[in-house]
Every structure is written in C-alpha cells, then in structure tokens.
C-alpha cells in the first residue's frame, strides 16, 4: 500500500503542477496558484517523511501534516475552480478534486488505524 500511496501523491502533485501551468499568470491568480503548488507537493513529502518516522508519535504527526496539506489543496482547488474562466480546464479540476478527496479519505483512515495501533 505505501508504495502506491507514494505514487499517487507524487502523481497528484505533478497533475496539479500541469493544471497550474495552464492558469493565467496574473496578480489575482498567482497567490492561489503558488499556495496550491506548495500544499499539493507537500502531501507526498510529508507522507514519505511519515514512513521514515523516528517513532509512532512522529509517524502520526507527519501523517496528520500530510492530511492537513491535502485539505489545504482541496481548498485552493475549490477557489481556483470557482474563479476559472477557461472551460477547457473544467474536467481537470473535477478530476483533481476527486483525487484529493480520495487522498484525504486514505490519510484519515490511516491516521485512525495508527492511533488505534499506537495509542498514547
């Protein structure tokens, strides 16, 4: 499972980058695009860090950060989707929102399992 989630989070970051490369370069868009690029790539980075956690608590903490970054990615995707004027990007937004919701669900389930298996 961990390898496929590593692959999925990496693919998600790349797919977000590809979408962002198609969004207009303007003062209004740039802040949200930059935020989305940062948090979408941070999901996988924090997941990978969790896999190398030094303790159970470290693992859970880094997994929680990955979940928070996924939630933040969803937020910025929703904003950019709402202000999007390019109809050719509609399906890309939908696909990425579905994927980030699935990533959130996986991370939440993993956190629940980890907290059950490694209580404080």
Protein backbone atom coordinates (compact mmCIF):
# COMPACT_ATOMS: atom_id res chain seq x y z
CA UNK A 1 0.00 0.00 0.00
CA UNK A 2 2.67 2.53 0.94
CA UNK A 3 4.29 2.43 -2.49
CA UNK A 4 1.00 3.03 -4.29
CA UNK A 5 0.18 5.97 -2.00
CA UNK A 6 3.67 7.35 -2.60
CA UNK A 7 2.99 7.10 -6.33
CA UNK A 8 -0.48 8.63 -6.03
CA UNK A 9 0.70 11.61 -4.01
CA UNK A 10 3.54 12.22 -6.47
CA UNK A 11 1.18 11.94 -9.46
CA UNK A 12 -1.24 14.33 -7.74
CA UNK A 13 1.50 16.94 -7.26
CA UNK A 14 2.54 16.61 -10.90
CA UNK A 15 -1.06 16.80 -12.15
CA UNK A 16 -1.64 19.93 -10.05
CA UNK A 17 1.54 21.45 -11.46
CA UNK A 18 0.33 20.71 -15.00
CA UNK A 19 -3.04 22.32 -14.25
CA UNK A 20 -1.39 25.36 -12.68
CA UNK A 21 0.80 25.82 -15.74
CA UNK A 22 -2.43 26.47 -17.71
CA UNK A 23 -3.84 29.07 -15.32
CA UNK A 24 -3.32 32.71 -16.32
CA UNK A 25 -0.34 34.49 -14.85
CA UNK A 26 -1.81 37.46 -13.01
CA UNK A 27 -1.62 39.05 -9.61
CA UNK A 28 -5.07 37.70 -8.75
CA UNK A 29 -4.29 34.08 -9.63
CA UNK A 30 -0.64 33.86 -8.61
CA UNK A 31 -1.14 33.79 -4.83
CA UNK A 32 -3.61 30.90 -5.01
CA UNK A 33 -1.60 29.01 -7.61
CA UNK A 34 1.56 29.30 -5.52
CA UNK A 35 -0.27 28.11 -2.40
CA UNK A 36 -1.77 25.17 -4.31
CA UNK A 37 1.61 24.18 -5.75
CA UNK A 38 3.17 24.20 -2.27
CA UNK A 39 0.50 22.25 -0.42
CA UNK A 40 -0.14 19.72 -3.20
CA UNK A 41 3.52 18.72 -3.30
CA UNK A 42 3.74 18.72 0.49
CA UNK A 43 1.23 15.86 0.77
CA UNK A 44 3.64 13.34 -0.68
CA UNK A 45 6.68 14.85 1.00
CA UNK A 46 5.08 14.53 4.42
CA UNK A 47 3.73 11.06 3.69
CA UNK A 48 7.24 9.92 2.74
CA UNK A 49 8.60 11.54 5.91
CA UNK A 50 5.95 9.68 7.94
CA UNK A 51 7.16 6.39 6.51
CA UNK A 52 10.60 7.23 7.88
CA UNK A 53 9.22 8.42 11.22
CA UNK A 54 11.53 8.01 14.21
CA UNK A 55 8.68 6.89 16.48
CA UNK A 56 4.99 6.08 16.35
CA UNK A 57 4.20 9.62 17.50
CA UNK A 58 6.44 11.05 14.77
CA UNK A 59 4.71 8.84 12.18
CA UNK A 60 1.25 10.02 13.30
CA UNK A 61 2.33 13.67 13.42
CA UNK A 62 3.74 13.63 9.88
CA UNK A 63 0.72 11.73 8.58
CA UNK A 64 -1.50 14.41 10.14
CA UNK A 65 0.51 17.11 8.36
CA UNK A 66 0.02 15.25 5.05
CA UNK A 67 -3.73 15.18 5.72
CA UNK A 68 -3.77 18.91 6.50
CA UNK A 69 -1.87 19.66 3.29
CA UNK A 70 -4.38 17.57 1.32
CA UNK A 71 -7.24 19.51 2.89
CA UNK A 72 -5.50 22.78 2.02
CA UNK A 73 -5.03 21.55 -1.56
CA UNK A 74 -8.74 20.86 -1.78
CA UNK A 75 -9.47 24.40 -0.54
CA UNK A 76 -7.28 26.10 -3.16
CA UNK A 77 -8.55 23.81 -5.93
CA UNK A 78 -12.11 24.79 -4.99
CA UNK A 79 -11.26 28.51 -5.09
CA UNK A 80 -9.47 28.26 -8.43
CA UNK A 81 -12.26 26.10 -9.85
CA UNK A 82 -14.80 28.74 -8.80
CA UNK A 83 -12.96 31.61 -10.50
CA UNK A 84 -11.85 29.57 -13.51
CA UNK A 85 -12.94 31.10 -16.81
CA UNK A 86 -11.27 28.52 -19.05
CA UNK A 87 -13.83 25.87 -19.90
CA UNK A 88 -11.11 23.51 -21.14
CA UNK A 89 -9.95 23.11 -17.50
CA UNK A 90 -13.31 22.08 -16.02
CA UNK A 91 -12.64 18.33 -16.20
CA UNK A 92 -9.11 18.70 -14.81
CA UNK A 93 -10.47 20.50 -11.76
CA UNK A 94 -13.13 17.81 -11.25
CA UNK A 95 -10.59 15.00 -11.58
CA UNK A 96 -8.15 16.63 -9.16
CA UNK A 97 -10.89 17.32 -6.61
CA UNK A 98 -11.97 13.68 -6.74
CA UNK A 99 -8.37 12.55 -6.29
CA UNK A 100 -7.63 14.89 -3.38
CA UNK A 101 -10.81 13.74 -1.64
CA UNK A 102 -9.69 10.13 -2.04
CA UNK A 103 -6.24 11.02 -0.69
CA UNK A 104 -7.84 12.73 2.31
CA UNK A 105 -10.00 9.66 2.97
CA UNK A 106 -6.97 7.35 2.79
CA UNK A 107 -4.93 9.57 5.10
CA UNK A 108 -7.78 9.90 7.62
CA UNK A 109 -8.26 6.12 7.64
CA UNK A 110 -4.51 5.61 8.05
CA UNK A 111 -4.45 8.05 10.97
CA UNK A 112 -7.37 6.27 12.60
CA UNK A 113 -5.60 2.93 12.24
CA UNK A 114 -2.30 4.32 13.51
CA UNK A 115 -3.95 5.88 16.54
CA UNK A 116 -5.68 2.58 17.31
CA UNK A 117 -2.50 0.56 16.89
CA UNK A 118 -0.24 3.08 18.66
CA UNK A 119 -2.26 4.69 21.46
CA UNK A 120 -0.54 7.37 23.55
